[in-house]
Amino acid sequence: MYDPKSMKAEEFIDDSEILESLKYADENKSNVEVIDAILEKAKERKGLSHRDASVLLACDIPEKNEEIYALAEQIKKDFYGNRIVLFAPLYLSNYCVNGCIYCPYHGKNKTIPRVKLTQEQIRDEVIALQDMGHKRLAIEAGEDPVNNPIEYILESIKTIYSIKHKNGAIRRVNVNIAATTVENYRKLHEAGIGTYILFQETYHKESYEILHPTGPKHNYAYHTEAMDRAMEGGIDDVGLGVLFGLDKYRYEFAGLLMHAEHLEAVHGVGPHTISVPRLCPADDIDVNDFSNAIDDDIFAKIVACIRIAVPYTGMIVSTRESQKSRERVLHLGISQISGGVGGYTHEERVDETAQFDVSDTRTLDQVMKWLIDMDYVPSFCTACYREGRTGDRFMALCKAKQIQNCCLPNALMTLKEYLVDYASPETRAAGEILIEKNIPDVTNEKARAVLRDRLVAIENGERDFRF
């Protein structure tokens, strides 16, 4: 049944194909000849099939695993350099009609207060986020057609984009809401969203239906086919993800890569981002009730193997992960992180009923200083989206490793904005040194000269330059 070009979920995520791929991986996890051939193929930087990548994930030869990590690190540098994009989630509402048994927002949970932000509250939250230095938001809401209809989401997006406080502005709003219709995706596209994000949770259909016993999310096919409807609605940047810990991680890994292959086969462009959340404790949820939790070593290997298999995609890790865990995977493939998250102003807020425990509770400035001290360039860049470099246009540049000609100078300019407007004295001092260190890496002499002029202009009060 497996057909990556099929529009039916059970054909492009085919259970028998995944099981055969895992069997193949088990048969070859100690086969040096096969593993070496896969690594040679991976060095071409054109990605790997779900089957080949599954062999690398299963590999149990220590020295070959070190080669896998080294290759992942080099591929990350080749495509994304030393830049790390920052964003903040903004929870609009925790009203939800679904019965997901791993999520505290499930409709039957009576222990949490239900909160839905008004437009005035959203305005306050956004101003607080702007005053921290954020330029990118990912808005999130439970699925509830009465309390969280598409009209509420669209109004919220309009409110967010309208707010300009001091030198602050949210330049890109990504959206993480439940699977919906082509018509609604078209409305989101027209509202000017960035990436549409939807986690599959699990690709194992039987487990999926058990984990989502009630509500619209119970429909496996409708949920799994959502990205196709989003793209039909004009959204060409979509973000995939699974919740590792719900089912066997190797099954989820293969399914995730098959989904990416499907998008590439049908739409000519794979996922803009892949997220790798792990199941975490939360109100009404005990992770000990789930037997598929993964440890830090497996988590790091998953990140490395995704980076090798899908070298062009952005990879996201959230504050679910601790500082130590995030530090470990940054160089293995992660290119985006959330920072300084939480409910930002109101006493009664969605984040007080957290969807999951936040492990990394540092402020944005602390996260910025941490990244700078590790020689990463923190970036708030939104230039590609605003210049129309999305979908296949972005991927063509990224696959040719040309996107860096825009990314580094844009990252340095947005870092300069942060340093001038928001940074603590310690962070600013370290950041200015980092900028000077990275300017020579802009290899085009004309672009380098323009960058220097714009950095001076930012110091003098001008904002929002982009290549």
Protein backbone atom coordinates (compact mmCIF):
# COMPACT_ATOMS: atom_id res chain seq x y z
CA MET A 1 0.00 0.00 0.00
CA TYR A 2 2.91 2.39 0.56
CA ASP A 3 2.73 5.33 -1.82
CA PRO A 4 4.38 8.65 -0.87
CA LYS A 5 2.35 10.40 -3.57
CA SER A 6 -0.98 9.16 -2.26
CA MET A 7 -3.27 11.66 -0.57
CA LYS A 8 -4.54 8.99 1.83
CA ALA A 9 -2.91 8.93 5.25
CA GLU A 10 -2.74 5.15 5.54
CA GLU A 11 -0.95 4.92 2.20
CA PHE A 12 1.75 7.59 2.66
CA ILE A 13 2.17 6.52 6.31
CA ASP A 14 1.91 2.81 5.67
CA ASP A 15 2.19 0.60 8.76
CA SER A 16 3.64 -2.40 6.89
CA GLU A 17 6.31 -0.22 5.28
CA ILE A 18 7.35 1.15 8.67
CA LEU A 19 7.53 -2.34 10.18
CA GLU A 20 9.58 -3.61 7.23
CA SER A 21 11.90 -0.61 7.56
CA LEU A 22 12.42 -1.31 11.25
CA LYS A 23 13.11 -4.95 10.51
CA TYR A 24 15.66 -3.92 7.87
CA ALA A 25 17.26 -1.58 10.40
CA ASP A 26 17.49 -4.36 13.00
CA GLU A 27 19.10 -6.67 10.45
CA ASN A 28 21.72 -4.07 9.54
CA LYS A 29 22.34 -2.12 12.76
CA SER A 30 25.73 -3.88 13.16
CA ASN A 31 26.54 -4.15 9.46
CA VAL A 32 29.54 -1.88 8.92
CA GLU A 33 29.35 -2.14 5.13
CA VAL A 34 25.70 -1.06 4.98
CA ILE A 35 26.17 1.71 7.54
CA ASP A 36 29.22 3.07 5.73
CA ALA A 37 27.31 3.12 2.44
CA ILE A 38 24.46 5.06 4.07
CA LEU A 39 26.90 7.53 5.63
CA GLU A 40 28.57 8.08 2.25
CA LYS A 41 25.17 8.79 0.73
CA ALA A 42 24.37 11.17 3.61
CA LYS A 43 27.58 13.12 2.97
CA GLU A 44 26.10 14.28 -0.34
CA ARG A 45 23.79 16.49 1.78
CA LYS A 46 20.69 15.43 -0.17
CA GLY A 47 19.03 13.59 2.68
CA LEU A 48 18.18 9.96 3.33
CA SER A 49 15.13 7.75 2.96
CA HIS A 50 13.22 6.75 6.07
CA ARG A 51 14.63 3.25 5.70
CA ASP A 52 18.28 4.29 5.52
CA ALA A 53 17.85 6.79 8.32
CA SER A 54 16.26 4.08 10.46
CA VAL A 55 19.43 2.02 10.09
CA LEU A 56 21.50 4.91 11.45
CA LEU A 57 19.10 5.39 14.35
CA ALA A 58 19.35 1.68 15.22
CA CYS A 59 23.14 1.52 14.75
CA ASP A 60 24.80 -0.01 17.82
CA ILE A 61 28.46 0.41 16.80
CA PRO A 62 29.99 3.10 19.06
CA GLU A 63 32.53 4.42 16.56
CA LYS A 64 29.89 4.62 13.82
CA ASN A 65 27.59 6.50 16.16
CA GLU A 66 30.38 9.02 16.68
CA GLU A 67 30.55 9.41 12.89
CA ILE A 68 26.78 9.98 12.82
CA TYR A 69 27.05 12.74 15.42
CA ALA A 70 30.00 14.35 13.65
CA LEU A 71 28.19 14.31 10.31
CA ALA A 72 25.03 15.77 11.83
CA GLU A 73 27.07 18.58 13.34
CA GLN A 74 28.77 19.36 10.05
CA ILE A 75 25.49 19.31 8.10
CA LYS A 76 23.96 21.68 10.65
CA LYS A 77 26.89 24.07 10.10
CA ASP A 78 26.68 23.73 6.32
CA PHE A 79 22.99 24.65 6.13
CA TYR A 80 22.41 26.86 9.17
CA GLY A 81 25.84 28.01 10.29
CA ASN A 82 26.04 29.02 13.94
CA ARG A 83 22.67 30.82 13.98
CA ILE A 84 19.86 29.94 16.40
CA VAL A 85 16.44 31.51 15.77
CA LEU A 86 14.41 32.47 18.84
CA PHE A 87 10.65 32.63 19.29
CA ALA A 88 8.05 32.62 22.06
CA PRO A 89 4.81 30.67 22.31
CA LEU A 90 1.63 32.58 23.17
CA TYR A 91 -1.25 30.47 24.46
CA LEU A 92 -4.55 32.10 23.54
CA SER A 93 -6.99 29.61 25.06
CA ASN A 94 -6.98 26.27 26.85
CA TYR A 95 -10.60 25.45 26.05
CA CYS A 96 -10.61 22.10 24.27
CA VAL A 97 -13.20 19.48 23.37
CA ASN A 98 -10.78 16.66 22.65
CA GLY A 99 -10.08 13.79 25.02
CA CYS A 100 -6.32 13.37 24.48
CA ILE A 101 -5.21 11.30 27.47
CA TYR A 102 -1.66 12.73 27.57
CA CYS A 103 -2.73 16.41 27.59
CA PRO A 104 -4.09 18.30 30.63
CA TYR A 105 -6.28 20.44 28.38
CA HIS A 106 -8.49 17.42 27.63
CA GLY A 107 -12.16 18.24 27.89
CA LYS A 108 -12.86 16.10 30.96
CA ASN A 109 -10.18 17.71 33.14
CA LYS A 110 -12.12 19.69 35.75
CA THR A 111 -9.11 20.65 37.89
CA ILE A 112 -7.83 23.47 35.69
CA PRO A 113 -9.49 26.83 35.16
CA ARG A 114 -10.35 27.49 31.54
CA VAL A 115 -8.96 30.73 30.17
CA LYS A 116 -9.46 32.52 26.88
CA LEU A 117 -7.55 35.75 26.35
CA THR A 118 -9.48 38.80 25.25
CA GLN A 119 -8.02 40.97 22.50
CA GLU A 120 -7.01 43.50 25.16
CA GLN A 121 -5.22 40.79 27.12
CA ILE A 122 -3.51 39.61 23.95
CA ARG A 123 -2.40 43.19 23.38
CA ASP A 124 -0.87 43.32 26.87
CA GLU A 125 0.87 39.97 26.36
CA VAL A 126 2.31 41.04 23.02
CA ILE A 127 3.62 44.33 24.42
CA ALA A 128 5.31 42.38 27.21
CA LEU A 129 6.86 40.05 24.64
CA GLN A 130 8.01 42.97 22.49
CA ASP A 131 9.56 44.61 25.54
CA MET A 132 11.60 41.43 26.07
CA GLY A 133 12.86 41.63 22.49
CA HIS A 134 10.80 38.95 20.75
CA LYS A 135 9.94 39.32 17.06
CA ARG A 136 8.45 35.86 16.39
CA LEU A 137 5.46 34.26 18.08
CA ALA A 138 3.88 30.83 17.85
CA ILE A 139 0.23 31.14 18.87
CA GLU A 140 -1.49 28.10 20.34
CA ALA A 141 -5.05 27.23 21.27
CA GLY A 142 -7.05 24.15 22.16
CA GLU A 143 -9.65 22.81 19.75
CA ASP A 144 -13.07 24.19 20.63
CA PRO A 145 -15.35 25.38 17.80
CA VAL A 146 -17.44 27.45 20.22
CA ASN A 147 -14.74 29.14 22.28
CA ASN A 148 -11.88 29.12 19.77
CA PRO A 149 -13.45 29.44 16.31
CA ILE A 150 -11.29 30.41 13.35
CA GLU A 151 -12.67 33.95 13.61
CA TYR A 152 -11.11 34.28 17.08
CA ILE A 153 -7.75 33.06 15.79
CA LEU A 154 -7.86 35.47 12.84
CA GLU A 155 -8.82 38.40 15.05
CA SER A 156 -5.97 37.54 17.41
CA ILE A 157 -3.46 37.46 14.54
CA LYS A 158 -4.66 40.86 13.35
CA THR A 159 -4.30 42.23 16.88
CA ILE A 160 -0.77 40.84 17.23
CA TYR A 161 0.45 42.31 13.94
CA SER A 162 -1.11 45.70 14.74
CA ILE A 163 0.87 46.33 17.93
CA LYS A 164 3.98 48.48 17.76
CA HIS A 165 5.38 49.37 21.19
CA LYS A 166 8.56 51.46 21.45
CA ASN A 167 10.91 49.75 18.95
CA GLY A 168 9.05 46.44 19.20
CA ALA A 169 7.05 44.61 16.57
CA ILE A 170 6.02 41.01 16.02
CA ARG A 171 7.14 40.35 12.48
CA ARG A 172 6.07 36.73 12.14
CA VAL A 173 3.18 34.82 13.69
CA ASN A 174 3.34 31.05 13.38
CA VAL A 175 0.16 29.15 14.17
CA ASN A 176 -0.25 25.86 16.04
CA ILE A 177 -3.95 25.02 16.05
CA ALA A 178 -5.97 21.89 15.35
CA ALA A 179 -6.43 20.37 11.91
CA THR A 180 -9.00 22.34 9.95
CA THR A 181 -10.46 22.86 6.48
CA VAL A 182 -8.87 24.14 3.27
CA GLU A 183 -11.09 27.21 3.55
CA ASN A 184 -9.81 27.98 7.03
CA TYR A 185 -6.20 27.41 5.99
CA ARG A 186 -6.78 29.86 3.16
CA LYS A 187 -8.01 32.40 5.71
CA LEU A 188 -4.88 31.86 7.81
CA HIS A 189 -2.72 32.33 4.73
CA GLU A 190 -4.52 35.56 3.89
CA ALA A 191 -4.00 36.73 7.47
CA GLY A 192 -0.25 36.61 6.83
CA ILE A 193 0.83 33.74 9.05
CA GLY A 194 4.31 32.32 8.85
CA THR A 195 4.44 28.57 9.41
CA TYR A 196 1.46 26.36 10.17
CA ILE A 197 2.51 23.84 12.81
CA LEU A 198 0.69 20.66 13.74
CA PHE A 199 2.15 17.79 15.71
CA GLN A 200 1.05 14.34 14.65
CA GLU A 201 1.52 13.15 18.25
CA THR A 202 1.89 9.54 16.99
CA TYR A 203 1.93 7.98 13.55
CA HIS A 204 0.82 4.60 14.88
CA LYS A 205 -2.86 4.58 13.91
CA GLU A 206 -4.08 2.14 16.55
CA SER A 207 -2.23 3.99 19.33
CA TYR A 208 -3.42 7.32 17.93
CA GLU A 209 -7.07 6.30 18.22
CA ILE A 210 -6.59 4.99 21.77
CA LEU A 211 -4.79 8.17 22.84
CA HIS A 212 -7.48 10.37 21.28
CA PRO A 213 -10.67 8.55 22.32
CA THR A 214 -13.09 11.44 21.89
CA GLY A 215 -13.41 14.69 19.97
CA PRO A 216 -12.59 15.69 16.39
CA LYS A 217 -8.93 14.79 16.89
CA HIS A 218 -9.93 11.11 17.08
CA ASN A 219 -10.04 11.08 13.26
CA TYR A 220 -6.54 9.85 12.34
CA ALA A 221 -6.83 10.42 8.61
CA TYR A 222 -8.23 13.96 8.92
CA HIS A 223 -5.43 14.92 11.30
CA THR A 224 -2.64 13.27 9.32
CA GLU A 225 -3.78 14.78 6.01
CA ALA A 226 -3.98 18.31 7.47
CA MET A 227 -0.70 19.49 5.91
CA ASP A 228 -1.98 18.67 2.44
CA ARG A 229 -5.07 20.78 3.07
CA ALA A 230 -2.90 23.58 4.47
CA MET A 231 -0.78 23.60 1.33
CA GLU A 232 -3.88 23.50 -0.85
CA GLY A 233 -5.02 26.57 1.09
CA GLY A 234 -1.84 28.42 0.11
CA ILE A 235 0.31 27.85 3.19
CA ASP A 236 3.65 26.68 1.82
CA ASP A 237 5.58 26.61 5.10
CA VAL A 238 4.38 23.80 7.37
CA GLY A 239 5.91 22.30 10.50
CA LEU A 240 5.78 18.62 11.47
CA GLY A 241 6.39 16.98 14.82
CA VAL A 242 5.65 13.94 16.96
CA LEU A 243 5.40 13.68 20.74
CA PHE A 244 8.14 11.21 21.55
CA GLY A 245 7.09 8.93 24.38
CA LEU A 246 3.57 8.13 23.22
CA ASP A 247 4.64 5.15 21.11
CA LYS A 248 7.87 3.42 20.11
CA TYR A 249 10.36 6.09 19.11
CA ARG A 250 11.76 4.22 16.10
CA TYR A 251 8.26 3.81 14.67
CA GLU A 252 7.59 7.53 15.14
CA PHE A 253 10.93 8.45 13.59
CA ALA A 254 10.20 6.46 10.44
CA GLY A 255 6.65 7.84 10.21
CA LEU A 256 7.89 11.40 10.60
CA LEU A 257 10.37 11.01 7.76
CA MET A 258 7.73 9.34 5.59
CA HIS A 259 5.49 12.36 6.14
CA ALA A 260 8.34 14.63 5.02
CA GLU A 261 8.88 12.45 1.95
CA HIS A 262 5.16 12.65 1.16
CA LEU A 263 5.15 16.45 1.26
CA GLU A 264 8.21 16.55 -0.97
CA ALA A 265 6.70 14.04 -3.43
CA VAL A 266 3.30 15.73 -3.69
CA HIS A 267 4.03 19.42 -3.20
CA GLY A 268 7.67 19.66 -4.20
CA VAL A 269 8.65 21.04 -0.81
CA GLY A 270 9.20 19.28 2.49
CA PRO A 271 8.50 20.56 5.99
CA HIS A 272 9.81 24.00 6.87
CA THR A 273 10.37 22.79 10.41
CA ILE A 274 10.38 19.58 12.43
CA SER A 275 9.79 19.71 16.18
CA VAL A 276 10.95 17.02 18.61
CA PRO A 277 8.97 17.39 21.86
CA ARG A 278 9.13 14.69 24.52
CA LEU A 279 6.28 13.67 26.79
CA CYS A 280 6.51 15.73 30.00
CA PRO A 281 4.67 15.80 33.32
CA ALA A 282 1.72 18.21 33.61
CA ASP A 283 -1.48 18.75 35.56
CA ASP A 284 -3.56 15.56 35.51
CA ILE A 285 -0.83 13.72 33.54
CA ASP A 286 1.76 11.29 34.91
CA VAL A 287 4.49 10.28 32.45
CA ASN A 288 4.86 7.01 34.37
CA ASP A 289 1.54 6.02 32.82
CA PHE A 290 3.36 5.82 29.49
CA SER A 291 5.97 3.14 28.85
CA ASN A 292 7.71 4.60 25.79
CA ALA A 293 9.62 7.50 27.34
CA ILE A 294 13.03 8.17 25.80
CA ASP A 295 16.21 9.15 27.63
CA ASP A 296 18.64 11.94 26.77
CA ASP A 297 20.95 9.71 24.72
CA ILE A 298 18.14 8.47 22.48
CA PHE A 299 16.82 12.03 22.19
CA ALA A 300 20.21 13.27 20.99
CA LYS A 301 20.48 10.43 18.47
CA ILE A 302 17.00 11.21 17.09
CA VAL A 303 17.96 14.86 16.58
CA ALA A 304 21.19 13.91 14.82
CA CYS A 305 19.51 11.39 12.52
CA ILE A 306 16.71 13.79 11.56
CA ARG A 307 19.30 16.43 10.71
CA ILE A 308 21.12 13.96 8.44
CA ALA A 309 17.91 12.65 6.85
CA VAL A 310 16.29 16.05 6.22
CA PRO A 311 19.25 18.44 6.08
CA TYR A 312 17.29 21.44 4.80
CA THR A 313 14.58 21.58 7.46
CA GLY A 314 14.60 23.82 10.50
CA MET A 315 14.55 21.88 13.75
CA ILE A 316 12.86 23.13 16.91
CA VAL A 317 13.36 22.27 20.56
CA SER A 318 11.22 23.93 23.20
CA THR A 319 11.52 24.76 26.89
CA ARG A 320 10.13 21.30 27.64
CA GLU A 321 13.83 20.43 27.56
CA SER A 322 16.29 21.47 30.26
CA GLN A 323 19.20 23.81 29.60
CA LYS A 324 21.54 20.81 29.67
CA SER A 325 19.46 18.85 27.17
CA ARG A 326 19.07 21.82 24.83
CA GLU A 327 22.78 22.53 24.98
CA ARG A 328 23.55 18.99 23.91
CA VAL A 329 21.35 19.01 20.80
CA LEU A 330 22.02 22.54 19.53
CA HIS A 331 25.06 21.48 17.55
CA LEU A 332 23.48 18.20 16.39
CA GLY A 333 20.73 19.80 14.36
CA ILE A 334 18.55 22.25 16.28
CA SER A 335 18.14 25.63 14.58
CA GLN A 336 15.23 27.18 16.52
CA ILE A 337 14.43 27.40 20.22
CA SER A 338 11.86 29.09 22.40
CA GLY A 339 13.17 31.38 25.09
CA GLY A 340 11.87 33.42 27.99
CA VAL A 341 8.45 31.73 27.87
CA GLY A 342 5.45 31.93 30.14
CA GLY A 343 2.30 33.93 30.76
CA TYR A 344 3.63 37.41 30.40
CA THR A 345 1.28 39.82 32.16
CA HIS A 346 -2.03 38.66 33.60
CA GLU A 347 -2.64 36.90 36.88
CA GLU A 348 -5.34 34.79 35.24
CA ARG A 349 -3.71 33.36 32.16
CA VAL A 350 -3.53 30.25 30.06
CA ASP A 351 0.05 29.45 31.08
CA GLU A 352 -0.93 29.15 34.74
CA THR A 353 -2.54 25.88 33.62
CA ALA A 354 0.54 24.74 31.74
CA GLN A 355 0.09 22.23 28.97
CA PHE A 356 3.41 20.72 30.07
CA ASP A 357 6.13 21.43 32.61
CA VAL A 358 8.67 24.02 31.50
CA SER A 359 12.19 22.82 32.28
CA ASP A 360 14.14 25.84 31.00
CA THR A 361 12.75 28.80 32.94
CA ARG A 362 15.46 31.36 32.18
CA THR A 363 14.66 34.86 30.94
CA LEU A 364 15.18 35.73 27.29
CA ASP A 365 18.24 37.80 28.18
CA GLN A 366 19.74 34.86 30.06
CA VAL A 367 19.11 32.60 27.06
CA MET A 368 20.68 35.18 24.74
CA LYS A 369 23.81 35.43 26.90
CA TRP A 370 24.00 31.62 27.11
CA LEU A 371 23.89 31.30 23.31
CA ILE A 372 26.41 34.09 22.78
CA ASP A 373 28.81 32.55 25.28
CA MET A 374 28.67 29.32 23.26
CA ASP A 375 29.50 31.27 20.07
CA TYR A 376 26.01 30.96 18.56
CA VAL A 377 24.42 33.95 16.86
CA PRO A 378 20.93 34.43 18.33
CA SER A 379 18.61 35.54 15.54
CA PHE A 380 15.17 37.14 15.40
CA CYS A 381 15.25 37.22 11.61
CA THR A 382 11.97 37.08 9.69
CA ALA A 383 13.36 38.32 6.37
CA CYS A 384 12.70 35.25 4.20
CA TYR A 385 9.02 35.18 5.08
CA ARG A 386 8.62 38.91 4.48
CA GLU A 387 10.62 38.85 1.24
CA GLY A 388 8.58 35.96 -0.15
CA ARG A 389 11.36 33.39 0.29
CA THR A 390 8.99 30.68 1.51
CA GLY A 391 8.02 27.19 0.43
CA ASP A 392 9.87 25.97 -2.64
CA ARG A 393 11.72 29.28 -3.01
CA PHE A 394 13.21 28.94 0.47
CA MET A 395 13.96 25.26 0.03
CA ALA A 396 15.71 25.80 -3.31
CA LEU A 397 18.05 28.32 -1.72
CA CYS A 398 18.54 26.21 1.39
CA LYS A 399 19.30 23.00 -0.52
CA ALA A 400 21.86 24.91 -2.58
CA LYS A 401 23.30 26.24 0.70
CA GLN A 402 22.79 29.78 -0.62
CA ILE A 403 20.39 30.90 2.08
CA GLN A 404 23.33 31.70 4.33
CA ASN A 405 24.18 34.66 2.10
CA CYS A 406 21.04 36.27 3.49
CA CYS A 407 20.81 34.60 6.89
CA LEU A 408 24.03 35.64 8.58
CA PRO A 409 23.78 39.40 7.88
CA ASN A 410 20.07 39.34 8.77
CA ALA A 411 20.82 37.49 11.99
CA LEU A 412 23.55 39.94 12.94
CA MET A 413 21.26 42.92 12.31
CA THR A 414 18.43 41.49 14.43
CA LEU A 415 20.95 40.67 17.15
CA LYS A 416 22.17 44.27 17.02
CA GLU A 417 18.57 45.47 17.43
CA TYR A 418 18.20 43.30 20.51
CA LEU A 419 21.48 44.48 22.01
CA VAL A 420 20.62 48.16 21.55
CA ASP A 421 16.98 47.95 22.67
CA TYR A 422 16.72 45.21 25.29
CA ALA A 423 19.95 43.59 26.40
CA SER A 424 21.52 43.76 29.83
CA PRO A 425 24.97 45.43 29.88
CA GLU A 426 26.69 42.03 30.15
CA THR A 427 24.76 40.56 27.24
CA ARG A 428 25.31 43.65 25.12
CA ALA A 429 29.06 43.63 25.67
CA ALA A 430 29.33 39.95 24.76
CA GLY A 431 27.00 40.37 21.77
CA GLU A 432 28.95 43.28 20.27
CA ILE A 433 32.10 41.16 20.34
CA LEU A 434 30.24 38.29 18.69
CA ILE A 435 28.95 40.54 15.90
CA GLU A 436 32.43 41.81 15.09
CA LYS A 437 33.73 38.26 15.11
CA ASN A 438 31.10 37.11 12.60
CA ILE A 439 31.15 40.03 10.14
CA PRO A 440 34.15 38.60 8.21
CA ASP A 441 32.09 35.43 7.58
CA VAL A 442 29.85 37.48 5.26
CA THR A 443 32.00 36.62 2.26
CA ASN A 444 30.45 39.01 -0.28
CA GLU A 445 32.44 42.25 0.02
CA LYS A 446 29.54 44.50 -1.03
CA ALA A 447 27.11 42.79 1.33
CA ARG A 448 29.66 43.07 4.14
CA ALA A 449 29.99 46.82 3.55
CA VAL A 450 26.21 47.27 3.50
CA LEU A 451 25.96 45.25 6.72
CA ARG A 452 28.46 47.50 8.49
CA ASP A 453 26.53 50.61 7.39
CA ARG A 454 23.27 49.15 8.62
CA LEU A 455 24.73 48.16 11.98
CA VAL A 456 25.70 51.80 12.46
CA ALA A 457 22.22 52.90 11.40
CA ILE A 458 20.66 50.53 13.97
CA GLU A 459 22.90 52.04 16.65
CA ASN A 460 21.53 55.43 15.58
CA GLY A 461 17.90 54.39 15.90
CA GLU A 462 16.87 52.90 12.54
CA ARG A 463 15.22 49.46 12.52
CA ASP A 464 14.06 46.55 10.38
CA PHE A 465 16.70 46.25 7.70
CA ARG A 466 16.85 43.00 5.77
CA PHE A 467 18.72 41.35 2.93
